[in-house]
Amino acid sequence: MSRVRVPLKAALLALLVAMPLGSASGETVMSKSFSYFSIGGRTAADLDKALSKAGPMMKSTGARHPGATRIKFGGTITYVNRGGRCAVGVALVTLSTRIILPRWTYRKQASRDLALVWDTLSSDIKRHEERHAEIARNHARKMEKMFLALRPQADCEKMQESVTRASADAIAAHDKDQARFDRTEAANFDKRMIRLLQYRLQTLQKTQR
């Protein structure tokens, strides 16, 4: 099977800024869901073509991929008066992740060798996308702490400007971590797949003795 490229997931942070309410931190609200797309094919080459044709389209690359994780940040920030200055009162970050994975129609009818390749590949795709979701979760938690740590400003207009800059920095840091992960995964793909295939084959042979 040809080398599988893994996508970078872009994220957008939309903060809904409200005026003074309470003075407390919120808990990060996170959700994760899965969806699947079906592919056909009865050979390794067919599977490779099917993934390239039916996989989710990523705007960041303009190409289809064997899997994807849709990431959406949102949330609410409230301001409070603290010592005559405007400060962040509540910072609530929300995160929604939707993992999109392939499902092979002919898995049950596949030969042992092709089934082994598919199971290894599909498992690796799922692990990869789960890691993208985990990176996003880690950054969501960091965002809340970062907003709460912002220094109070003379007025809430300046405080909102500070929040906007911090939001842009946080998203840039998130995207950089996601890109770094993708580069590492792509560089190690061939070695990783060979190692995983060997491990699965050895495990299968042991169970058949």
Protein backbone atom coordinates (compact mmCIF):
# COMPACT_ATOMS: atom_id res chain seq x y z
CA MET A 1 0.00 0.00 0.00
CA SER A 2 1.28 3.47 -0.77
CA ARG A 3 2.45 5.71 2.02
CA VAL A 4 -0.48 7.23 3.87
CA ARG A 5 -0.30 10.93 4.53
CA VAL A 6 -1.86 12.22 7.73
CA PRO A 7 -3.62 15.59 7.87
CA LEU A 8 -3.11 18.68 9.95
CA LYS A 9 -6.30 19.84 11.65
CA ALA A 10 -6.92 23.57 11.71
CA ALA A 11 -8.81 25.06 14.68
CA LEU A 12 -10.74 28.26 15.18
CA LEU A 13 -11.36 29.90 18.52
CA ALA A 14 -14.57 31.93 18.79
CA LEU A 15 -14.80 33.62 22.17
CA LEU A 16 -18.16 35.11 23.14
CA VAL A 17 -17.28 37.96 25.46
CA ALA A 18 -19.83 38.93 28.10
CA MET A 19 -19.72 41.79 30.57
CA PRO A 20 -19.44 41.50 34.38
CA LEU A 21 -21.02 38.48 36.03
CA GLY A 22 -19.23 36.46 38.66
CA SER A 23 -15.60 35.92 39.55
CA ALA A 24 -14.70 32.27 39.14
CA SER A 25 -13.11 29.89 36.69
CA GLY A 26 -15.20 27.49 34.66
CA GLU A 27 -14.48 23.89 33.77
CA THR A 28 -13.44 23.07 30.23
CA VAL A 29 -16.42 21.55 28.39
CA MET A 30 -15.28 18.88 25.95
CA SER A 31 -17.11 16.52 23.62
CA LYS A 32 -15.87 13.83 21.24
CA SER A 33 -17.79 11.96 18.58
CA PHE A 34 -17.01 9.53 15.77
CA SER A 35 -18.25 9.20 12.21
CA TYR A 36 -17.28 6.81 9.45
CA PHE A 37 -17.03 6.67 5.68
CA SER A 38 -17.22 3.39 3.77
CA ILE A 39 -14.71 2.22 1.19
CA GLY A 40 -14.64 -0.76 -1.16
CA GLY A 41 -11.77 -2.53 -2.88
CA ARG A 42 -10.46 -6.08 -2.75
CA THR A 43 -6.72 -5.49 -3.13
CA ALA A 44 -4.19 -3.29 -1.36
CA ALA A 45 -4.01 -1.04 -4.41
CA ASP A 46 -7.81 -0.76 -4.48
CA LEU A 47 -7.88 0.20 -0.81
CA ASP A 48 -5.26 2.86 -1.36
CA LYS A 49 -7.26 4.36 -4.22
CA ALA A 50 -10.50 4.17 -2.23
CA LEU A 51 -8.98 6.03 0.72
CA SER A 52 -7.69 8.74 -1.60
CA LYS A 53 -11.07 9.05 -3.30
CA ALA A 54 -13.51 8.73 -0.39
CA GLY A 55 -11.53 10.12 2.56
CA PRO A 56 -12.48 13.44 4.16
CA MET A 57 -11.38 16.55 2.28
CA MET A 58 -9.12 18.86 4.26
CA LYS A 59 -9.22 22.53 3.34
CA SER A 60 -5.73 23.02 4.76
CA THR A 61 -4.22 20.69 2.15
CA GLY A 62 -6.84 20.63 -0.59
CA ALA A 63 -6.63 16.83 -0.60
CA ARG A 64 -8.49 13.85 0.82
CA HIS A 65 -7.05 11.89 3.74
CA PRO A 66 -7.57 8.44 5.27
CA GLY A 67 -8.87 10.02 8.47
CA ALA A 68 -9.49 13.41 10.02
CA THR A 69 -10.32 15.15 13.27
CA ARG A 70 -12.58 18.19 13.10
CA ILE A 71 -11.68 20.51 15.96
CA LYS A 72 -13.76 23.46 17.13
CA PHE A 73 -12.92 25.69 20.08
CA GLY A 74 -15.45 28.07 21.58
CA GLY A 75 -16.37 29.43 24.95
CA THR A 76 -17.30 32.38 27.12
CA ILE A 77 -15.27 35.01 28.97
CA THR A 78 -16.77 37.41 31.49
CA TYR A 79 -15.22 40.55 32.95
CA VAL A 80 -15.32 41.85 36.52
CA ASN A 81 -14.27 45.03 38.27
CA ARG A 82 -11.23 44.33 40.40
CA GLY A 83 -9.68 47.24 42.28
CA GLY A 84 -11.02 49.75 39.79
CA ARG A 85 -9.63 47.80 36.83
CA CYS A 86 -11.22 45.38 34.38
CA ALA A 87 -10.21 41.75 34.85
CA VAL A 88 -11.24 38.33 33.56
CA GLY A 89 -13.83 36.86 35.87
CA VAL A 90 -14.94 33.57 34.30
CA ALA A 91 -13.09 31.83 31.49
CA LEU A 92 -14.94 28.85 30.03
CA VAL A 93 -13.42 27.13 27.00
CA THR A 94 -15.42 24.56 25.05
CA LEU A 95 -13.97 22.00 22.69
CA SER A 96 -15.75 19.78 20.18
CA THR A 97 -13.84 17.06 18.32
CA ARG A 98 -15.27 14.79 15.63
CA ILE A 99 -13.05 11.93 14.52
CA ILE A 100 -13.71 10.64 10.99
CA LEU A 101 -12.49 7.12 10.24
CA PRO A 102 -12.65 4.65 7.33
CA ARG A 103 -14.72 1.46 7.35
CA TRP A 104 -13.87 -1.26 4.83
CA THR A 105 -16.91 -2.96 3.31
CA TYR A 106 -15.15 -6.22 2.44
CA ARG A 107 -13.19 -6.76 5.64
CA LYS A 108 -14.94 -10.06 6.48
CA GLN A 109 -14.27 -11.50 3.03
CA ALA A 110 -10.60 -10.45 2.91
CA SER A 111 -7.66 -12.83 2.79
CA ARG A 112 -5.64 -13.21 5.97
CA ASP A 113 -2.73 -11.16 4.64
CA LEU A 114 -4.84 -8.27 3.37
CA ALA A 115 -6.95 -8.28 6.53
CA LEU A 116 -3.76 -8.06 8.58
CA VAL A 117 -2.58 -5.03 6.58
CA TRP A 118 -5.97 -3.34 6.86
CA ASP A 119 -6.38 -3.95 10.59
CA THR A 120 -2.91 -2.59 11.22
CA LEU A 121 -3.44 0.48 9.05
CA SER A 122 -6.95 1.32 10.30
CA SER A 123 -5.82 0.94 13.92
CA ASP A 124 -2.93 3.32 13.28
CA ILE A 125 -5.23 5.86 11.61
CA LYS A 126 -7.52 5.78 14.66
CA ARG A 127 -4.60 6.17 17.07
CA HIS A 128 -3.30 9.11 15.07
CA GLU A 129 -6.64 10.94 15.07
CA GLU A 130 -7.19 10.23 18.77
CA ARG A 131 -3.84 11.89 19.45
CA HIS A 132 -4.93 15.00 17.52
CA ALA A 133 -8.00 15.19 19.77
CA GLU A 134 -5.81 14.76 22.85
CA ILE A 135 -3.51 17.61 21.76
CA ALA A 136 -6.56 19.84 21.36
CA ARG A 137 -7.83 18.88 24.84
CA ASN A 138 -4.50 19.76 26.42
CA HIS A 139 -4.51 23.16 24.74
CA ALA A 140 -8.11 23.85 25.76
CA ARG A 141 -7.14 23.41 29.41
CA LYS A 142 -4.11 25.65 28.94
CA MET A 143 -6.28 28.33 27.35
CA GLU A 144 -8.53 28.65 30.39
CA LYS A 145 -5.55 29.03 32.72
CA MET A 146 -3.97 31.55 30.35
CA PHE A 147 -7.10 33.73 30.21
CA LEU A 148 -7.47 33.72 33.98
CA ALA A 149 -3.82 34.73 34.37
CA LEU A 150 -4.12 37.82 32.16
CA ARG A 151 -3.31 41.07 33.97
CA PRO A 152 -6.26 43.45 34.60
CA GLN A 153 -6.48 46.46 32.29
CA ALA A 154 -7.62 50.05 32.76
CA ASP A 155 -10.97 49.32 31.08
CA CYS A 156 -12.80 46.36 29.55
CA GLU A 157 -12.12 47.46 25.99
CA LYS A 158 -8.39 47.09 26.63
CA MET A 159 -9.04 43.85 28.48
CA GLN A 160 -10.88 42.48 25.47
CA GLU A 161 -7.94 43.43 23.25
CA SER A 162 -5.66 41.51 25.60
CA VAL A 163 -7.96 38.49 25.40
CA THR A 164 -8.02 38.67 21.60
CA ARG A 165 -4.22 38.68 21.40
CA ALA A 166 -3.99 35.82 23.87
CA SER A 167 -6.55 33.85 21.82
CA ALA A 168 -4.51 34.27 18.64
CA ASP A 169 -1.33 33.19 20.43
CA ALA A 170 -3.08 30.16 21.91
CA ILE A 171 -4.41 29.02 18.53
CA ALA A 172 -0.99 29.51 16.94
CA ALA A 173 0.59 27.36 19.66
CA HIS A 174 -2.09 24.69 19.17
CA ASP A 175 -1.60 24.60 15.40
CA LYS A 176 2.17 24.41 15.83
CA ASP A 177 1.88 21.40 18.13
CA GLN A 178 -0.50 19.67 15.72
CA ALA A 179 1.85 20.31 12.79
CA ARG A 180 4.83 19.04 14.78
CA PHE A 181 2.96 15.83 15.56
CA ASP A 182 2.07 15.32 11.90
CA ARG A 183 5.67 15.81 10.78
CA THR A 184 6.90 13.25 13.30
CA GLU A 185 4.22 10.75 12.32
CA ALA A 186 4.90 11.14 8.60
CA ALA A 187 8.65 10.72 9.08
CA ASN A 188 8.20 7.51 11.07
CA PHE A 189 5.30 6.02 9.11
CA ASP A 190 7.13 3.31 7.20
CA LYS A 191 9.11 2.04 10.21
CA ARG A 192 6.04 2.19 12.42
CA MET A 193 3.89 0.18 10.00
CA ILE A 194 6.56 -2.49 9.53
CA ARG A 195 6.94 -2.82 13.30
CA LEU A 196 3.16 -3.00 13.84
CA LEU A 197 2.69 -5.54 11.06
CA GLN A 198 5.44 -7.74 12.46
CA TYR A 199 3.93 -7.56 15.94
CA ARG A 200 0.43 -8.44 14.71
CA LEU A 201 1.78 -11.29 12.59
CA GLN A 202 3.72 -12.74 15.52
CA THR A 203 0.66 -12.47 17.75
CA LEU A 204 -1.47 -14.22 15.13
CA GLN A 205 1.05 -17.02 14.72
CA LYS A 206 1.15 -17.62 18.48
CA THR A 207 -2.63 -17.95 18.69
CA GLN A 208 -2.63 -20.52 15.86
CA ARG A 209 -0.05 -22.85 17.49
